């Protein structure tokens, strides 16, 4: 058994847990057409506010803003997580067969 690889995996798992803990306190704000939605890392909406109230009376514009703000948040949260995890994964070779199935 190659203990150095096992040690690397264990260290990586600890780093990933640390990053996960840091991300728990991260809020991501998404703004589209004056609608601002703030999400937490548990994928919950923390706050909704209107910087521009002109879309409130327009059902189609409001639906579009909600849809676009949600999609924008998803992309931004994935980008943030990817950046944080990149530091952990950088320089580590991992055999995909050594990882547990998802």
C-alpha atoms as a PDB file:
ATOM      1  CA  UNK A   1       0.000   0.000   0.000  1.00  0.00           C
ATOM      2  CA  UNK A   2       1.296   3.434  -0.954  1.00  0.00           C
ATOM      3  CA  UNK A   3       0.903   5.482   2.238  1.00  0.00           C
ATOM      4  CA  UNK A   4       2.097   8.686   0.601  1.00  0.00           C
ATOM      5  CA  UNK A   5      -0.936   8.676  -1.751  1.00  0.00           C
ATOM      6  CA  UNK A   6      -3.217   7.887   1.178  1.00  0.00           C
ATOM      7  CA  UNK A   7      -1.673  10.774   3.127  1.00  0.00           C
ATOM      8  CA  UNK A   8      -2.211  13.113   0.144  1.00  0.00           C
ATOM      9  CA  UNK A   9      -5.862  12.099  -0.116  1.00  0.00           C
ATOM     10  CA  UNK A  10      -6.385  12.579   3.608  1.00  0.00           C
ATOM     11  CA  UNK A  11      -4.737  15.997   3.503  1.00  0.00           C
ATOM     12  CA  UNK A  12      -6.835  16.968   0.486  1.00  0.00           C
ATOM     13  CA  UNK A  13     -10.012  15.845   2.267  1.00  0.00           C
ATOM     14  CA  UNK A  14      -9.110  18.019   5.272  1.00  0.00           C
ATOM     15  CA  UNK A  15      -8.480  21.017   3.000  1.00  0.00           C
ATOM     16  CA  UNK A  16     -11.780  20.467   1.209  1.00  0.00           C
ATOM     17  CA  UNK A  17     -13.628  20.312   4.546  1.00  0.00           C
ATOM     18  CA  UNK A  18     -11.956  23.575   5.555  1.00  0.00           C
ATOM     19  CA  UNK A  19     -13.018  25.248   2.309  1.00  0.00           C
ATOM     20  CA  UNK A  20     -16.560  23.894   2.716  1.00  0.00           C
ATOM     21  CA  UNK A  21     -16.698  25.461   6.182  1.00  0.00           C
ATOM     22  CA  UNK A  22     -15.478  28.808   4.790  1.00  0.00           C
ATOM     23  CA  UNK A  23     -18.051  28.669   1.990  1.00  0.00           C
ATOM     24  CA  UNK A  24     -20.863  28.185   4.503  1.00  0.00           C
ATOM     25  CA  UNK A  25     -20.415  31.844   5.448  1.00  0.00           C
ATOM     26  CA  UNK A  26     -20.366  33.038   1.839  1.00  0.00           C
ATOM     27  CA  UNK A  27     -23.294  34.976   0.423  1.00  0.00           C
ATOM     28  CA  UNK A  28     -23.679  35.469  -3.315  1.00  0.00           C
ATOM     29  CA  UNK A  29     -25.666  38.408  -4.617  1.00  0.00           C
ATOM     30  CA  UNK A  30     -27.243  38.261  -8.047  1.00  0.00           C
ATOM     31  CA  UNK A  31     -28.748  41.329  -9.735  1.00  0.00           C
ATOM     32  CA  UNK A  32     -30.825  41.499 -12.890  1.00  0.00           C
ATOM     33  CA  UNK A  33     -32.904  44.513 -13.983  1.00  0.00           C
ATOM     34  CA  UNK A  34     -32.996  46.005 -10.498  1.00  0.00           C
ATOM     35  CA  UNK A  35     -33.964  42.749  -8.755  1.00  0.00           C
ATOM     36  CA  UNK A  36     -31.295  41.655  -6.267  1.00  0.00           C
ATOM     37  CA  UNK A  37     -31.434  38.157  -4.777  1.00  0.00           C
ATOM     38  CA  UNK A  38     -28.935  37.111  -2.113  1.00  0.00           C
ATOM     39  CA  UNK A  39     -28.277  33.387  -1.715  1.00  0.00           C
ATOM     40  CA  UNK A  40     -26.373  31.534   0.991  1.00  0.00           C
ATOM     41  CA  UNK A  41     -24.226  28.476   0.397  1.00  0.00           C
ATOM     42  CA  UNK A  42     -27.043  26.128   1.412  1.00  0.00           C
ATOM     43  CA  UNK A  43     -28.856  27.250  -1.749  1.00  0.00           C
ATOM     44  CA  UNK A  44     -31.355  29.254   0.288  1.00  0.00           C
ATOM     45  CA  UNK A  45     -32.542  32.745  -0.512  1.00  0.00           C
ATOM     46  CA  UNK A  46     -31.369  35.114   2.226  1.00  0.00           C
ATOM     47  CA  UNK A  47     -32.837  38.331   0.859  1.00  0.00           C
ATOM     48  CA  UNK A  48     -34.809  39.732  -2.069  1.00  0.00           C
ATOM     49  CA  UNK A  49     -34.862  43.431  -2.797  1.00  0.00           C
ATOM     50  CA  UNK A  50     -35.726  45.784  -5.627  1.00  0.00           C
ATOM     51  CA  UNK A  51     -33.267  48.510  -6.504  1.00  0.00           C
ATOM     52  CA  UNK A  52     -35.605  49.449  -9.350  1.00  0.00           C
ATOM     53  CA  UNK A  53     -39.329  48.885  -8.785  1.00  0.00           C
ATOM     54  CA  UNK A  54     -40.350  49.341 -12.428  1.00  0.00           C
ATOM     55  CA  UNK A  55     -40.496  45.573 -13.052  1.00  0.00           C
ATOM     56  CA  UNK A  56     -42.865  44.868 -10.148  1.00  0.00           C
ATOM     57  CA  UNK A  57     -45.989  45.516 -12.226  1.00  0.00           C
ATOM     58  CA  UNK A  58     -44.685  43.613 -15.239  1.00  0.00           C
ATOM     59  CA  UNK A  59     -45.217  39.877 -14.729  1.00  0.00           C
ATOM     60  CA  UNK A  60     -43.060  38.788 -17.692  1.00  0.00           C
ATOM     61  CA  UNK A  61     -40.179  41.102 -16.757  1.00  0.00           C
ATOM     62  CA  UNK A  62     -40.300  39.946 -13.122  1.00  0.00           C
ATOM     63  CA  UNK A  63     -40.354  36.259 -14.090  1.00  0.00           C
ATOM     64  CA  UNK A  64     -37.441  36.835 -16.478  1.00  0.00           C
ATOM     65  CA  UNK A  65     -35.440  38.704 -13.807  1.00  0.00           C
ATOM     66  CA  UNK A  66     -36.002  35.908 -11.252  1.00  0.00           C
ATOM     67  CA  UNK A  67     -34.964  33.262 -13.769  1.00  0.00           C
ATOM     68  CA  UNK A  68     -31.873  35.145 -14.920  1.00  0.00           C
ATOM     69  CA  UNK A  69     -30.813  36.113 -11.381  1.00  0.00           C
ATOM     70  CA  UNK A  70     -31.088  32.489 -10.243  1.00  0.00           C
ATOM     71  CA  UNK A  71     -29.058  31.209 -13.212  1.00  0.00           C
ATOM     72  CA  UNK A  72     -26.493  33.974 -12.688  1.00  0.00           C
ATOM     73  CA  UNK A  73     -26.151  32.960  -9.026  1.00  0.00           C
ATOM     74  CA  UNK A  74     -25.657  29.285  -9.951  1.00  0.00           C
ATOM     75  CA  UNK A  75     -22.831  30.142 -12.342  1.00  0.00           C
ATOM     76  CA  UNK A  76     -21.182  32.506  -9.865  1.00  0.00           C
ATOM     77  CA  UNK A  77     -21.359  30.017  -6.979  1.00  0.00           C
ATOM     78  CA  UNK A  78     -19.820  27.323  -9.195  1.00  0.00           C
ATOM     79  CA  UNK A  79     -17.044  29.720 -10.191  1.00  0.00           C
ATOM     80  CA  UNK A  80     -16.313  30.580  -6.546  1.00  0.00           C
ATOM     81  CA  UNK A  81     -16.263  26.919  -5.480  1.00  0.00           C
ATOM     82  CA  UNK A  82     -14.040  26.026  -8.433  1.00  0.00           C
ATOM     83  CA  UNK A  83     -11.533  28.746  -7.565  1.00  0.00           C
ATOM     84  CA  UNK A  84     -11.351  27.640  -3.938  1.00  0.00           C
ATOM     85  CA  UNK A  85     -11.005  23.965  -4.790  1.00  0.00           C
ATOM     86  CA  UNK A  86      -8.437  24.597  -7.527  1.00  0.00           C
ATOM     87  CA  UNK A  87      -5.842  25.450  -4.900  1.00  0.00           C
ATOM     88  CA  UNK A  88      -6.408  22.130  -3.159  1.00  0.00           C
ATOM     89  CA  UNK A  89      -6.389  20.066  -6.338  1.00  0.00           C
ATOM     90  CA  UNK A  90      -3.421  21.840  -7.925  1.00  0.00           C
ATOM     91  CA  UNK A  91      -0.341  19.712  -8.048  1.00  0.00           C
ATOM     92  CA  UNK A  92      -2.053  16.575  -6.759  1.00  0.00           C
ATOM     93  CA  UNK A  93      -2.346  13.563  -8.970  1.00  0.00           C
ATOM     94  CA  UNK A  94      -5.376  11.479  -8.199  1.00  0.00           C
ATOM     95  CA  UNK A  95      -6.181   8.143  -9.758  1.00  0.00           C
ATOM     96  CA  UNK A  96      -9.897   8.369 -10.643  1.00  0.00           C
ATOM     97  CA  UNK A  97     -10.236   4.657  -9.812  1.00  0.00           C
ATOM     98  CA  UNK A  98      -9.109   5.355  -6.243  1.00  0.00           C
ATOM     99  CA  UNK A  99     -12.036   7.683  -5.571  1.00  0.00           C
ATOM    100  CA  UNK A 100     -15.307   6.323  -4.203  1.00  0.00           C
ATOM    101  CA  UNK A 101     -18.243   6.218  -6.644  1.00  0.00           C
ATOM    102  CA  UNK A 102     -20.670   9.130  -6.609  1.00  0.00           C
END
